């Protein structure tokens, strides 16, 4: 295989890009590289990176170019990493990469380079051929940059999509969220409301209910809990195990037919027979009458001890 074939083969694995260093390692000298750019076969992206003239322009291709330009341990981070993981509301541009702190770190005209003393290869993986921080590292890095409510949604999105767990959230906070780090206090508060073995909410409504409780100064509820063993009742939307309270979040769209109402009534009777205090809240109230939703849950919690007694 000649040098040009080797160069093209390498570029194919790197979104059409190669670094000058890689070309030199293959055996091409500086003059040979200049000759190929002069012929139009390769395009100079930065003074350290080349792109095949046949390669299509794509946000992830530009991300690869920046990783090669920065070199070393560089990995996509922050909003760029969130975009690679397809987390809602994030775009790869402007590009952000992170790498270990080094006096010889390269800056890049393609984006922002962050350096940190807490860089750890355990927090880096490869997605579509790109080095990128794992989702929970992305959450920790963004916690000081975006609105607290968005950080909360981001955590639950990561867990809900199977990209991480609350256990990994607790672990990475312990590793990274030290004193003085932006967002550390918020992260610890959010983690305290999400035990390591908890499940992520399966709907925006459930997440919204817990947000309302937290803002009103009340404990959040556990999401998606299976109740009953041999006499299994079902998976419940939200549960307070300590006070034996369950909250069912109902939607007009999915719980308005006669059959739906009958099923809900049977389920409610089973829960009450098993000693649970049942609260039903509706989607409209969750979004437009939040005080009523919080009031209903607080009232049920106040009833529960007397019921148990």
Protein backbone atom coordinates (compact mmCIF):
# COMPACT_ATOMS: atom_id res chain seq x y z
CA UNK A 1 0.00 0.00 0.00
CA UNK A 2 1.55 3.34 -1.06
CA UNK A 3 1.70 6.42 1.18
CA UNK A 4 -1.34 8.11 -0.39
CA UNK A 5 -3.48 5.03 0.18
CA UNK A 6 -2.34 4.87 3.81
CA UNK A 7 -3.13 8.56 4.27
CA UNK A 8 -6.62 8.21 2.79
CA UNK A 9 -7.28 5.09 4.86
CA UNK A 10 -6.34 6.92 8.05
CA UNK A 11 -8.49 9.91 7.08
CA UNK A 12 -11.47 7.62 6.52
CA UNK A 13 -11.36 6.65 10.20
CA UNK A 14 -11.07 10.31 11.25
CA UNK A 15 -13.92 12.06 9.45
CA UNK A 16 -11.64 12.90 6.52
CA UNK A 17 -8.87 14.49 8.58
CA UNK A 18 -5.25 13.75 9.44
CA UNK A 19 -2.71 15.70 11.42
CA UNK A 20 0.65 16.71 10.01
CA UNK A 21 2.23 14.61 12.74
CA UNK A 22 0.34 11.53 11.55
CA UNK A 23 1.37 12.19 7.95
CA UNK A 24 4.99 12.50 9.01
CA UNK A 25 4.74 9.24 10.98
CA UNK A 26 3.47 7.52 7.81
CA UNK A 27 6.61 8.71 6.00
CA UNK A 28 5.55 11.89 4.20
CA UNK A 29 7.94 14.80 4.54
CA UNK A 30 6.92 18.48 4.80
CA UNK A 31 7.66 19.05 1.11
CA UNK A 32 5.49 16.07 0.10
CA UNK A 33 2.63 17.39 2.25
CA UNK A 34 2.90 20.85 0.63
CA UNK A 35 2.92 19.22 -2.80
CA UNK A 36 -0.36 17.41 -2.10
CA UNK A 37 -2.07 20.56 -0.82
CA UNK A 38 -0.85 22.48 -3.86
CA UNK A 39 -2.44 19.84 -6.12
CA UNK A 40 -5.76 20.28 -4.24
CA UNK A 41 -5.89 16.72 -2.91
CA UNK A 42 -5.74 17.95 0.67
CA UNK A 43 -6.95 21.19 2.25
CA UNK A 44 -5.12 22.94 5.05
CA UNK A 45 -7.62 23.32 7.99
CA UNK A 46 -5.12 24.60 10.55
CA UNK A 47 -1.34 24.71 10.51
CA UNK A 48 -1.41 21.24 12.11
CA UNK A 49 -4.38 19.53 10.40
CA UNK A 50 -5.28 18.51 6.85
CA UNK A 51 -8.66 17.55 5.39
CA UNK A 52 -9.20 15.37 2.36
CA UNK A 53 -10.68 17.46 -0.46
CA UNK A 54 -13.22 14.67 -0.98
CA UNK A 55 -14.46 14.76 2.64
CA UNK A 56 -17.89 16.22 3.34
CA UNK A 57 -18.24 19.13 5.75
CA UNK A 58 -20.00 18.05 8.96
CA UNK A 59 -20.05 19.34 12.57
CA UNK A 60 -18.48 16.10 13.79
CA UNK A 61 -15.80 16.35 11.11
CA UNK A 62 -14.90 19.79 12.45
CA UNK A 63 -14.88 18.31 15.95
CA UNK A 64 -12.36 15.69 14.81
CA UNK A 65 -10.23 18.42 13.24
CA UNK A 66 -10.12 20.25 16.57
CA UNK A 67 -9.19 17.11 18.50
CA UNK A 68 -6.28 16.55 16.12
CA UNK A 69 -5.32 20.22 16.30
CA UNK A 70 -5.15 20.25 20.11
CA UNK A 71 -3.66 16.77 20.34
CA UNK A 72 -2.59 15.02 23.50
CA UNK A 73 -5.41 13.87 25.76
CA UNK A 74 -8.01 16.20 24.19
CA UNK A 75 -11.64 15.04 24.31
CA UNK A 76 -14.88 16.77 23.36
CA UNK A 77 -16.48 18.36 26.41
CA UNK A 78 -19.33 20.51 27.71
CA UNK A 79 -21.99 21.42 25.10
CA UNK A 80 -20.06 19.66 22.31
CA UNK A 81 -20.00 16.41 24.30
CA UNK A 82 -23.69 16.78 25.14
CA UNK A 83 -24.45 17.12 21.42
CA UNK A 84 -22.45 13.99 20.57
CA UNK A 85 -24.48 12.09 23.19
CA UNK A 86 -27.69 13.46 21.55
CA UNK A 87 -28.83 15.15 24.75
CA UNK A 88 -31.69 17.56 23.90
CA UNK A 89 -30.98 21.25 23.54
CA UNK A 90 -27.24 21.11 22.77
CA UNK A 91 -25.28 21.72 19.58
CA UNK A 92 -21.64 20.75 18.86
CA UNK A 93 -20.73 24.33 17.90
CA UNK A 94 -19.02 26.28 19.30
CA UNK A 95 -16.56 23.47 19.84
CA UNK A 96 -15.25 22.72 23.34
CA UNK A 97 -12.52 20.24 24.24
CA UNK A 98 -10.87 19.43 27.55
CA UNK A 99 -7.45 18.00 28.25
CA UNK A 100 -4.95 17.69 31.07
CA UNK A 101 -3.17 20.81 32.28
CA UNK A 102 0.23 21.16 30.62
CA UNK A 103 2.48 24.17 30.04
CA UNK A 104 2.69 23.25 26.34
CA UNK A 105 -1.06 22.89 25.69
CA UNK A 106 -1.97 23.95 22.16
CA UNK A 107 -4.70 26.50 21.63
CA UNK A 108 -6.93 26.12 18.59
CA UNK A 109 -8.60 28.56 16.25
CA UNK A 110 -11.41 26.00 15.85
CA UNK A 111 -12.85 26.31 19.35
CA UNK A 112 -12.27 26.59 23.09
CA UNK A 113 -9.67 24.48 24.90
CA UNK A 114 -10.26 23.82 28.61
CA UNK A 115 -7.51 22.42 30.79
CA UNK A 116 -7.97 20.81 34.19
CA UNK A 117 -5.97 19.12 36.92
CA UNK A 118 -8.81 16.59 37.33
CA UNK A 119 -8.53 15.11 33.82
CA UNK A 120 -8.99 11.34 34.02
CA UNK A 121 -8.97 8.87 31.12
CA UNK A 122 -11.69 6.91 32.95
CA UNK A 123 -14.00 9.80 32.08
CA UNK A 124 -13.28 9.53 28.35
CA UNK A 125 -14.67 7.14 25.76
CA UNK A 126 -15.00 7.01 21.96
CA UNK A 127 -18.22 7.76 20.05
CA UNK A 128 -18.31 7.69 16.24
CA UNK A 129 -14.51 7.71 16.28
CA UNK A 130 -14.36 10.85 18.45
CA UNK A 131 -12.84 11.10 21.90
CA UNK A 132 -15.56 12.47 24.18
CA UNK A 133 -16.10 12.74 27.93
CA UNK A 134 -18.69 10.37 29.41
CA UNK A 135 -22.16 11.89 29.98
CA UNK A 136 -21.87 12.32 33.75
CA UNK A 137 -18.54 14.13 33.36
CA UNK A 138 -20.33 16.36 30.86
CA UNK A 139 -23.01 17.10 33.49
CA UNK A 140 -20.43 18.04 36.12
CA UNK A 141 -18.60 20.35 33.71
CA UNK A 142 -21.82 22.09 32.64
CA UNK A 143 -23.26 22.50 36.13
CA UNK A 144 -21.66 25.89 36.64
CA UNK A 145 -22.55 27.18 33.16
CA UNK A 146 -26.27 26.49 32.64
CA UNK A 147 -29.47 27.14 34.60
CA UNK A 148 -29.96 24.85 37.65
CA UNK A 149 -33.29 23.54 36.31
CA UNK A 150 -31.53 22.57 33.10
CA UNK A 151 -28.81 20.75 35.05
CA UNK A 152 -31.52 18.75 36.81
CA UNK A 153 -33.21 17.81 33.55
CA UNK A 154 -29.84 16.91 32.05
CA UNK A 155 -29.08 14.48 34.90
CA UNK A 156 -32.44 12.74 34.51
CA UNK A 157 -32.06 12.65 30.72
CA UNK A 158 -28.68 10.96 31.03
CA UNK A 159 -30.08 8.31 33.38
CA UNK A 160 -33.38 7.94 31.53
CA UNK A 161 -31.56 7.28 28.25
CA UNK A 162 -29.35 4.63 29.83
CA UNK A 163 -26.19 6.75 29.42
CA UNK A 164 -25.38 6.72 33.11
CA UNK A 165 -26.85 6.02 36.53
CA UNK A 166 -27.46 7.92 39.72
CA UNK A 167 -24.74 5.77 41.23
CA UNK A 168 -22.26 7.06 38.63
CA UNK A 169 -23.47 10.60 39.40
CA UNK A 170 -22.63 10.16 43.09
CA UNK A 171 -19.27 8.64 42.23
CA UNK A 172 -18.14 11.36 39.82
CA UNK A 173 -19.31 14.13 42.15
CA UNK A 174 -17.14 12.59 44.85
CA UNK A 175 -14.21 12.63 42.44
CA UNK A 176 -14.66 16.08 40.91
CA UNK A 177 -17.06 18.35 42.78
CA UNK A 178 -14.60 19.78 45.26
CA UNK A 179 -14.74 23.06 47.12
CA UNK A 180 -14.53 26.04 44.78
CA UNK A 181 -15.67 24.20 41.66
CA UNK A 182 -18.57 25.96 39.95
CA UNK A 183 -21.85 24.09 40.39
CA UNK A 184 -20.59 21.76 43.14
CA UNK A 185 -23.22 22.79 45.70
CA UNK A 186 -26.02 22.39 43.16
CA UNK A 187 -24.75 18.96 42.11
CA UNK A 188 -24.62 17.72 45.70
CA UNK A 189 -28.17 18.96 46.31
CA UNK A 190 -29.47 17.23 43.19
CA UNK A 191 -27.60 14.03 44.02
CA UNK A 192 -29.02 13.98 47.56
CA UNK A 193 -32.51 13.85 46.05
CA UNK A 194 -31.48 10.93 43.84
CA UNK A 195 -30.22 7.92 45.82
CA UNK A 196 -27.66 5.74 43.99
CA UNK A 197 -30.21 2.96 43.38
CA UNK A 198 -33.07 5.24 42.29
CA UNK A 199 -34.57 5.09 38.80
CA UNK A 200 -34.95 8.05 36.50
CA UNK A 201 -38.42 9.50 35.94
CA UNK A 202 -40.00 8.00 32.84
CA UNK A 203 -41.93 11.12 31.96
CA UNK A 204 -41.51 14.87 32.07
CA UNK A 205 -44.58 15.01 34.30
CA UNK A 206 -42.91 12.98 37.03
CA UNK A 207 -39.78 15.10 36.84
CA UNK A 208 -41.93 18.23 36.99
CA UNK A 209 -43.73 17.03 40.15
CA UNK A 210 -40.41 16.48 41.92
CA UNK A 211 -39.20 19.91 40.79
CA UNK A 212 -42.33 21.48 42.30
CA UNK A 213 -41.78 19.68 45.61
CA UNK A 214 -38.13 20.69 45.79
CA UNK A 215 -38.90 24.33 45.03
CA UNK A 216 -41.52 24.34 47.79
CA UNK A 217 -38.98 22.94 50.24
CA UNK A 218 -40.29 19.36 50.39
CA UNK A 219 -38.60 16.02 49.83
CA UNK A 220 -38.92 14.63 46.30
CA UNK A 221 -40.55 11.29 45.61
CA UNK A 222 -38.99 8.09 44.32
CA UNK A 223 -39.81 7.42 40.66
CA UNK A 224 -41.03 4.24 38.98
CA UNK A 225 -41.34 1.84 41.89
CA UNK A 226 -42.68 -1.71 41.64
CA UNK A 227 -45.14 -2.34 44.48
CA UNK A 228 -46.23 -5.78 45.62
CA UNK A 229 -44.39 -9.07 45.33
CA UNK A 230 -46.49 -12.19 44.69
CA UNK A 231 -49.52 -9.91 44.67
CA UNK A 232 -47.84 -7.38 42.38
CA UNK A 233 -49.89 -4.22 41.98
CA UNK A 234 -47.80 -2.51 39.32
CA UNK A 235 -45.16 0.10 38.67
CA UNK A 236 -46.09 3.31 40.44
CA UNK A 237 -45.19 6.75 39.13
CA UNK A 238 -44.03 8.34 42.39
CA UNK A 239 -43.71 6.89 45.89
CA UNK A 240 -42.89 8.04 49.43
CA UNK A 241 -41.95 4.73 51.05
CA UNK A 242 -41.44 6.21 54.51
CA UNK A 243 -44.96 7.62 54.75
CA UNK A 244 -46.65 5.00 52.57
CA UNK A 245 -47.88 7.55 50.03
CA UNK A 246 -48.15 6.99 46.28
CA UNK A 247 -48.71 9.66 43.65
CA UNK A 248 -50.22 8.70 40.30
CA UNK A 249 -49.64 11.28 37.56
CA UNK A 250 -52.57 11.05 35.18
CA UNK A 251 -52.80 12.39 31.64
CA UNK A 252 -56.03 13.47 29.98
CA UNK A 253 -54.70 11.91 26.80
CA UNK A 254 -54.07 8.43 28.21
CA UNK A 255 -56.52 8.17 31.13
CA UNK A 256 -59.80 9.59 29.85
CA UNK A 257 -61.64 6.59 28.39
CA UNK A 258 -64.13 4.48 30.34
CA UNK A 259 -61.72 1.53 30.29
CA UNK A 260 -58.86 3.71 31.50
CA UNK A 261 -60.92 5.06 34.37
CA UNK A 262 -62.01 1.56 35.37
CA UNK A 263 -58.42 0.31 35.35
CA UNK A 264 -57.28 3.31 37.41
CA UNK A 265 -60.06 2.72 39.96
CA UNK A 266 -59.12 -0.96 40.35
CA UNK A 267 -55.47 -0.08 40.80
CA UNK A 268 -56.36 2.59 43.37
CA UNK A 269 -58.46 0.12 45.35
CA UNK A 270 -55.58 -2.40 45.38
CA UNK A 271 -53.17 0.24 46.65
CA UNK A 272 -55.53 1.43 49.36
CA UNK A 273 -56.24 -2.14 50.43
CA UNK A 274 -52.49 -2.62 50.80
CA UNK A 275 -52.34 0.38 53.13
CA UNK A 276 -51.11 3.09 50.76
CA UNK A 277 -52.42 6.65 50.73
CA UNK A 278 -53.14 7.41 47.07
CA UNK A 279 -52.91 10.84 45.47
CA UNK A 280 -53.93 11.43 41.86
CA UNK A 281 -52.69 14.54 40.08
CA UNK A 282 -53.48 15.55 36.53
CA UNK A 283 -51.14 16.80 33.84
CA UNK A 284 -52.98 20.11 33.46
CA UNK A 285 -52.57 20.84 37.17
CA UNK A 286 -48.90 19.87 37.14
CA UNK A 287 -48.19 22.61 34.59
CA UNK A 288 -50.85 25.22 35.44
CA UNK A 289 -51.85 24.69 39.09
CA UNK A 290 -48.56 23.70 40.75
CA UNK A 291 -49.61 24.90 44.22
CA UNK A 292 -52.60 22.57 44.13
CA UNK A 293 -50.37 19.62 43.22
CA UNK A 294 -47.90 20.33 46.01
CA UNK A 295 -50.75 20.92 48.46
CA UNK A 296 -52.37 17.57 47.64
CA UNK A 297 -49.10 15.67 48.16
CA UNK A 298 -48.27 17.51 51.40
CA UNK A 299 -51.78 16.84 52.71
CA UNK A 300 -51.41 13.13 51.95
CA UNK A 301 -48.10 13.03 53.77
CA UNK A 302 -49.72 14.68 56.78
CA UNK A 303 -52.53 12.12 56.76
CA UNK A 304 -50.23 9.16 56.39
CA UNK A 305 -48.78 8.99 59.94
CA UNK A 306 -52.21 9.19 61.51
CA UNK A 307 -53.44 6.50 59.13
CA UNK A 308 -50.52 4.24 60.05
CA UNK A 309 -51.08 4.92 63.75
